[in-house]
Amino acid sequence: GVDSLPIKDVVVEVDKGTTSDHHLVFLDIPGHNSPLQVSKGKAFETKDVREFKKIDIEEFRHDLFCSLSMADLKSVDEAVDVYQKTTEYVLDKHAPYTTRNFKIGKSPWWNSNCAA
């Protein structure tokens, strides 16, 4: 990998394209005469996710409270276990898991140096 690159002629365009604190930055990297190419491969990661945005909150609440029965519980641990299992059961009804493909490397320029 490359630890550092010499750059020159850095220009930050603060007057173009945005009202946020993000600005267009132009720079020259000596030795690179053409634009950097980003791979256009279709690399995806498959994940099981719940679609929480599709939940009807009122129906979810109704089903959750109608399904919970705490009457004969003997301990806090037992109550937590019942609540967890009931919540998962109701979630499975209102927001079942679905398999989605997520593109890997959506931002190939983002690395650990950017996060620091």
N, C-alpha and C. Protein backbone atom coordinates (compact mmCIF):
# COMPACT_ATOMS: atom_id res chain seq x y z
N GLY A 1 0.81 -1.18 0.00
CA GLY A 1 0.00 0.00 0.00
C GLY A 1 0.85 1.24 0.00
N VAL A 2 0.22 2.34 -0.24
CA VAL A 2 0.90 3.62 -0.28
C VAL A 2 0.70 4.32 1.05
N ASP A 3 1.80 4.69 1.71
CA ASP A 3 1.69 5.39 2.99
C ASP A 3 1.40 6.87 2.80
N SER A 4 2.00 7.45 1.77
CA SER A 4 1.75 8.86 1.50
C SER A 4 2.04 9.15 0.03
N LEU A 5 1.43 10.19 -0.48
CA LEU A 5 1.64 10.62 -1.85
C LEU A 5 2.00 12.09 -1.84
N PRO A 6 2.95 12.49 -2.68
CA PRO A 6 3.21 13.93 -2.78
C PRO A 6 2.06 14.58 -3.54
N ILE A 7 1.58 15.67 -3.05
CA ILE A 7 0.51 16.39 -3.74
C ILE A 7 0.93 17.82 -3.95
N LYS A 8 0.35 18.47 -4.96
CA LYS A 8 0.64 19.88 -5.20
C LYS A 8 -0.59 20.55 -5.78
N ASP A 9 -0.57 21.84 -5.81
CA ASP A 9 -1.65 22.64 -6.38
C ASP A 9 -3.02 22.28 -5.80
N VAL A 10 -3.13 22.35 -4.48
CA VAL A 10 -4.40 22.05 -3.83
C VAL A 10 -5.29 23.28 -3.88
N VAL A 11 -6.53 23.09 -4.35
CA VAL A 11 -7.51 24.16 -4.42
C VAL A 11 -8.80 23.66 -3.77
N VAL A 12 -9.32 24.44 -2.82
CA VAL A 12 -10.59 24.11 -2.17
C VAL A 12 -11.64 25.08 -2.70
N GLU A 13 -12.66 24.54 -3.37
CA GLU A 13 -13.73 25.35 -3.94
C GLU A 13 -14.83 25.53 -2.89
N VAL A 14 -14.81 26.63 -2.17
CA VAL A 14 -15.80 26.83 -1.12
C VAL A 14 -17.10 27.43 -1.64
N ASP A 15 -17.08 27.94 -2.88
CA ASP A 15 -18.26 28.60 -3.42
C ASP A 15 -19.09 27.74 -4.35
N LYS A 16 -18.77 26.45 -4.48
CA LYS A 16 -19.48 25.63 -5.47
C LYS A 16 -20.19 24.44 -4.83
N GLY A 17 -21.41 24.24 -5.22
CA GLY A 17 -22.10 22.98 -5.07
C GLY A 17 -22.68 22.58 -3.73
N THR A 18 -22.46 23.32 -2.67
CA THR A 18 -22.99 22.83 -1.41
C THR A 18 -23.20 23.97 -0.42
N THR A 19 -24.13 23.77 0.49
CA THR A 19 -24.33 24.73 1.57
C THR A 19 -23.83 24.15 2.89
N SER A 20 -23.24 22.95 2.83
CA SER A 20 -22.74 22.33 4.06
C SER A 20 -21.27 22.66 4.24
N ASP A 21 -20.63 21.96 5.18
CA ASP A 21 -19.21 22.17 5.40
C ASP A 21 -18.36 21.27 4.51
N HIS A 22 -18.97 20.62 3.52
CA HIS A 22 -18.25 19.79 2.57
C HIS A 22 -17.94 20.62 1.34
N HIS A 23 -16.70 20.60 0.91
CA HIS A 23 -16.30 21.40 -0.24
C HIS A 23 -15.53 20.55 -1.22
N LEU A 24 -15.56 20.97 -2.49
CA LEU A 24 -14.84 20.30 -3.54
C LEU A 24 -13.35 20.61 -3.42
N VAL A 25 -12.53 19.57 -3.46
CA VAL A 25 -11.08 19.75 -3.35
C VAL A 25 -10.44 19.21 -4.63
N PHE A 26 -9.62 20.06 -5.27
CA PHE A 26 -8.85 19.66 -6.44
C PHE A 26 -7.38 19.61 -6.05
N LEU A 27 -6.68 18.61 -6.59
CA LEU A 27 -5.25 18.53 -6.32
C LEU A 27 -4.57 17.73 -7.43
N ASP A 28 -3.28 17.94 -7.57
CA ASP A 28 -2.47 17.17 -8.51
C ASP A 28 -1.60 16.19 -7.73
N ILE A 29 -1.55 14.96 -8.24
CA ILE A 29 -0.65 13.96 -7.67
C ILE A 29 0.40 13.68 -8.75
N PRO A 30 1.64 14.12 -8.53
CA PRO A 30 2.67 13.89 -9.54
C PRO A 30 2.78 12.41 -9.91
N GLY A 31 2.90 12.15 -11.22
CA GLY A 31 3.01 10.77 -11.69
C GLY A 31 1.68 10.17 -12.11
N HIS A 32 0.59 10.86 -11.79
CA HIS A 32 -0.74 10.38 -12.19
C HIS A 32 -1.30 11.33 -13.23
N ASN A 33 -1.23 10.92 -14.51
CA ASN A 33 -1.68 11.78 -15.59
C ASN A 33 -3.14 11.57 -15.96
N SER A 34 -3.74 10.50 -15.46
CA SER A 34 -5.14 10.24 -15.77
C SER A 34 -5.93 10.17 -14.47
N PRO A 35 -7.23 10.35 -14.57
CA PRO A 35 -8.04 10.25 -13.35
C PRO A 35 -7.92 8.86 -12.72
N LEU A 36 -7.98 8.81 -11.41
CA LEU A 36 -7.95 7.52 -10.73
C LEU A 36 -9.21 6.75 -11.06
N GLN A 37 -9.07 5.48 -11.32
CA GLN A 37 -10.20 4.64 -11.69
C GLN A 37 -10.71 3.89 -10.47
N VAL A 38 -11.99 3.87 -10.32
CA VAL A 38 -12.62 3.11 -9.25
C VAL A 38 -13.18 1.85 -9.89
N SER A 39 -12.95 0.74 -9.27
CA SER A 39 -13.45 -0.53 -9.79
C SER A 39 -14.97 -0.49 -9.88
N LYS A 40 -15.49 -0.97 -10.99
CA LYS A 40 -16.93 -1.01 -11.17
C LYS A 40 -17.47 -2.42 -10.99
N GLY A 41 -16.71 -3.26 -10.30
CA GLY A 41 -17.16 -4.62 -10.04
C GLY A 41 -18.38 -4.62 -9.14
N LYS A 42 -19.16 -5.65 -9.22
CA LYS A 42 -20.37 -5.75 -8.42
C LYS A 42 -20.11 -6.64 -7.22
N ALA A 43 -19.43 -6.10 -6.24
CA ALA A 43 -19.16 -6.84 -5.02
C ALA A 43 -20.24 -6.50 -4.00
N PHE A 44 -20.93 -7.54 -3.53
CA PHE A 44 -22.01 -7.33 -2.58
C PHE A 44 -21.83 -8.22 -1.36
N GLU A 45 -22.34 -7.75 -0.26
CA GLU A 45 -22.38 -8.52 0.97
C GLU A 45 -23.86 -8.76 1.29
N THR A 46 -24.21 -10.01 1.56
CA THR A 46 -25.59 -10.35 1.86
C THR A 46 -25.80 -10.34 3.37
N LYS A 47 -26.87 -9.65 3.79
CA LYS A 47 -27.19 -9.57 5.22
C LYS A 47 -28.69 -9.78 5.41
N ASP A 48 -29.04 -10.36 6.54
CA ASP A 48 -30.43 -10.46 6.93
C ASP A 48 -30.76 -9.24 7.81
N VAL A 49 -31.77 -8.50 7.41
CA VAL A 49 -32.14 -7.27 8.12
C VAL A 49 -33.64 -7.23 8.33
N ARG A 50 -34.06 -6.42 9.29
CA ARG A 50 -35.49 -6.17 9.50
C ARG A 50 -35.81 -4.78 8.93
N GLU A 51 -36.98 -4.66 8.35
CA GLU A 51 -37.40 -3.37 7.80
C GLU A 51 -38.24 -2.63 8.83
N PHE A 52 -37.56 -2.03 9.80
CA PHE A 52 -38.24 -1.36 10.91
C PHE A 52 -39.12 -0.21 10.45
N LYS A 53 -38.76 0.44 9.36
CA LYS A 53 -39.55 1.59 8.89
C LYS A 53 -40.95 1.20 8.44
N LYS A 54 -41.15 -0.08 8.12
CA LYS A 54 -42.45 -0.53 7.64
C LYS A 54 -43.40 -0.94 8.76
N ILE A 55 -42.93 -0.90 9.99
CA ILE A 55 -43.77 -1.31 11.12
C ILE A 55 -44.87 -0.28 11.38
N ASP A 56 -46.08 -0.75 11.52
CA ASP A 56 -47.18 0.09 11.99
C ASP A 56 -47.06 0.09 13.51
N ILE A 57 -46.64 1.20 14.06
CA ILE A 57 -46.32 1.29 15.49
C ILE A 57 -47.52 0.94 16.37
N GLU A 58 -48.69 1.43 16.03
CA GLU A 58 -49.88 1.15 16.85
C GLU A 58 -50.20 -0.34 16.87
N GLU A 59 -50.14 -1.00 15.72
CA GLU A 59 -50.40 -2.45 15.67
C GLU A 59 -49.32 -3.22 16.42
N PHE A 60 -48.08 -2.77 16.28
CA PHE A 60 -46.97 -3.42 16.98
C PHE A 60 -47.19 -3.34 18.49
N ARG A 61 -47.49 -2.16 18.99
CA ARG A 61 -47.73 -1.98 20.43
C ARG A 61 -48.88 -2.85 20.91
N HIS A 62 -49.96 -2.84 20.15
CA HIS A 62 -51.13 -3.65 20.51
C HIS A 62 -50.76 -5.12 20.62
N ASP A 63 -50.09 -5.65 19.59
CA ASP A 63 -49.71 -7.06 19.59
C ASP A 63 -48.72 -7.38 20.71
N LEU A 64 -47.81 -6.47 20.98
CA LEU A 64 -46.81 -6.70 22.03
C LEU A 64 -47.50 -6.77 23.40
N PHE A 65 -48.34 -5.81 23.71
CA PHE A 65 -48.98 -5.78 25.02
C PHE A 65 -50.01 -6.90 25.20
N CYS A 66 -50.67 -7.29 24.10
CA CYS A 66 -51.63 -8.39 24.19
C CYS A 66 -50.92 -9.73 24.34
N SER A 67 -49.70 -9.83 23.86
CA SER A 67 -48.95 -11.08 23.92
C SER A 67 -48.20 -11.26 25.23
N LEU A 68 -47.93 -10.17 25.93
CA LEU A 68 -47.16 -10.25 27.18
C LEU A 68 -48.05 -10.69 28.34
N SER A 69 -47.56 -11.66 29.06
CA SER A 69 -48.26 -12.09 30.27
C SER A 69 -47.22 -12.24 31.37
N MET A 70 -47.24 -11.34 32.32
CA MET A 70 -46.24 -11.34 33.39
C MET A 70 -46.83 -11.86 34.71
N ALA A 71 -48.01 -12.40 34.66
CA ALA A 71 -48.74 -12.76 35.89
C ALA A 71 -48.05 -13.81 36.74
N ASP A 72 -47.56 -14.88 36.18
CA ASP A 72 -47.03 -15.99 36.98
C ASP A 72 -45.51 -16.08 36.97
N LEU A 73 -44.85 -14.97 36.76
CA LEU A 73 -43.38 -15.00 36.71
C LEU A 73 -42.81 -14.97 38.11
N LYS A 74 -41.72 -15.71 38.30
CA LYS A 74 -41.17 -15.86 39.65
C LYS A 74 -39.88 -15.06 39.89
N SER A 75 -39.31 -14.49 38.81
CA SER A 75 -38.06 -13.74 39.00
C SER A 75 -37.92 -12.68 37.90
N VAL A 76 -37.02 -11.76 38.14
CA VAL A 76 -36.72 -10.74 37.14
C VAL A 76 -36.12 -11.39 35.90
N ASP A 77 -35.24 -12.37 36.09
CA ASP A 77 -34.63 -13.07 34.96
C ASP A 77 -35.69 -13.72 34.08
N GLU A 78 -36.69 -14.33 34.71
CA GLU A 78 -37.77 -14.97 33.96
C GLU A 78 -38.59 -13.91 33.21
N ALA A 79 -38.82 -12.77 33.82
CA ALA A 79 -39.56 -11.68 33.17
C ALA A 79 -38.80 -11.16 31.96
N VAL A 80 -37.49 -10.97 32.11
CA VAL A 80 -36.66 -10.51 30.99
C VAL A 80 -36.70 -11.52 29.85
N ASP A 81 -36.62 -12.79 30.17
CA ASP A 81 -36.64 -13.84 29.16
C ASP A 81 -37.98 -13.84 28.40
N VAL A 82 -39.09 -13.74 29.14
CA VAL A 82 -40.42 -13.70 28.51
C VAL A 82 -40.55 -12.46 27.63
N TYR A 83 -40.11 -11.31 28.14
CA TYR A 83 -40.21 -10.07 27.37
C TYR A 83 -39.39 -10.17 26.08
N GLN A 84 -38.17 -10.71 26.19
CA GLN A 84 -37.29 -10.83 25.02
C GLN A 84 -37.91 -11.77 23.97
N LYS A 85 -38.40 -12.92 24.39
CA LYS A 85 -38.99 -13.88 23.45
C LYS A 85 -40.27 -13.32 22.83
N THR A 86 -41.09 -12.65 23.63
CA THR A 86 -42.34 -12.07 23.12
C THR A 86 -42.04 -10.96 22.11
N THR A 87 -41.09 -10.11 22.43
CA THR A 87 -40.73 -9.02 21.53
C THR A 87 -40.21 -9.57 20.20
N GLU A 88 -39.38 -10.60 20.27
CA GLU A 88 -38.86 -11.20 19.04
C GLU A 88 -39.99 -11.82 18.22
N TYR A 89 -40.94 -12.48 18.89
CA TYR A 89 -42.09 -13.07 18.21
C TYR A 89 -42.90 -11.99 17.48
N VAL A 90 -43.17 -10.88 18.16
CA VAL A 90 -43.95 -9.79 17.56
C VAL A 90 -43.16 -9.11 16.45
N LEU A 91 -41.86 -8.95 16.64
CA LEU A 91 -41.03 -8.40 15.57
C LEU A 91 -41.05 -9.29 14.34
N ASP A 92 -40.99 -10.60 14.54
CA ASP A 92 -41.05 -11.52 13.40
C ASP A 92 -42.34 -11.35 12.61
N LYS A 93 -43.42 -11.01 13.31
CA LYS A 93 -44.71 -10.79 12.64
C LYS A 93 -44.73 -9.47 11.87
N HIS A 94 -44.23 -8.41 12.51
CA HIS A 94 -44.34 -7.06 11.93
C HIS A 94 -43.15 -6.65 11.07
N ALA A 95 -42.00 -7.20 11.33
CA ALA A 95 -40.79 -6.86 10.56
C ALA A 95 -39.92 -8.10 10.43
N PRO A 96 -40.39 -9.07 9.65
CA PRO A 96 -39.61 -10.31 9.53
C PRO A 96 -38.27 -10.03 8.85
N TYR A 97 -37.32 -10.91 9.12
CA TYR A 97 -36.02 -10.77 8.47
C TYR A 97 -36.18 -10.93 6.97
N THR A 98 -35.45 -10.14 6.23
CA THR A 98 -35.39 -10.24 4.79
C THR A 98 -33.92 -10.15 4.38
N THR A 99 -33.58 -10.81 3.31
CA THR A 99 -32.18 -10.81 2.86
C THR A 99 -31.98 -9.66 1.89
N ARG A 100 -30.95 -8.89 2.13
CA ARG A 100 -30.61 -7.74 1.28
C ARG A 100 -29.15 -7.83 0.87
N ASN A 101 -28.86 -7.30 -0.30
CA ASN A 101 -27.50 -7.19 -0.78
C ASN A 101 -27.02 -5.76 -0.56
N PHE A 102 -25.86 -5.61 0.05
CA PHE A 102 -25.26 -4.30 0.28
C PHE A 102 -23.97 -4.23 -0.50
N LYS A 103 -23.82 -3.17 -1.24
CA LYS A 103 -22.61 -2.99 -2.04
C LYS A 103 -21.42 -2.79 -1.12
N ILE A 104 -20.37 -3.54 -1.38
CA ILE A 104 -19.14 -3.41 -0.59
C ILE A 104 -18.29 -2.32 -1.23
N GLY A 105 -17.69 -1.51 -0.38
CA GLY A 105 -16.77 -0.48 -0.89
C GLY A 105 -17.49 0.66 -1.58
N LYS A 106 -18.64 1.10 -1.03
CA LYS A 106 -19.37 2.21 -1.63
C LYS A 106 -18.51 3.48 -1.66
N SER A 107 -17.61 3.60 -0.72
CA SER A 107 -16.72 4.77 -0.65
C SER A 107 -15.28 4.28 -0.59
N PRO A 108 -14.71 3.90 -1.74
CA PRO A 108 -13.35 3.32 -1.72
C PRO A 108 -12.29 4.28 -1.23
N TRP A 109 -12.58 5.57 -1.21
CA TRP A 109 -11.61 6.55 -0.73
C TRP A 109 -11.58 6.62 0.79
N TRP A 110 -12.61 6.10 1.48
CA TRP A 110 -12.67 6.17 2.94
C TRP A 110 -11.80 5.08 3.54
N ASN A 111 -10.90 5.46 4.44
CA ASN A 111 -10.05 4.47 5.10
C ASN A 111 -9.83 4.88 6.55
N SER A 112 -8.96 4.16 7.24
CA SER A 112 -8.73 4.42 8.66
C SER A 112 -8.12 5.81 8.89
N ASN A 113 -7.42 6.37 7.92
CA ASN A 113 -6.85 7.71 8.09
C ASN A 113 -7.96 8.76 8.13
N CYS A 114 -9.04 8.53 7.38
CA CYS A 114 -10.16 9.48 7.37
C CYS A 114 -10.91 9.43 8.70
N ALA A 115 -10.99 8.26 9.28
CA ALA A 115 -11.74 8.09 10.52
C ALA A 115 -10.99 8.61 11.73
N ALA A 116 -9.70 8.79 11.61
CA ALA A 116 -8.87 9.20 12.75
C ALA A 116 -9.18 10.61 13.19
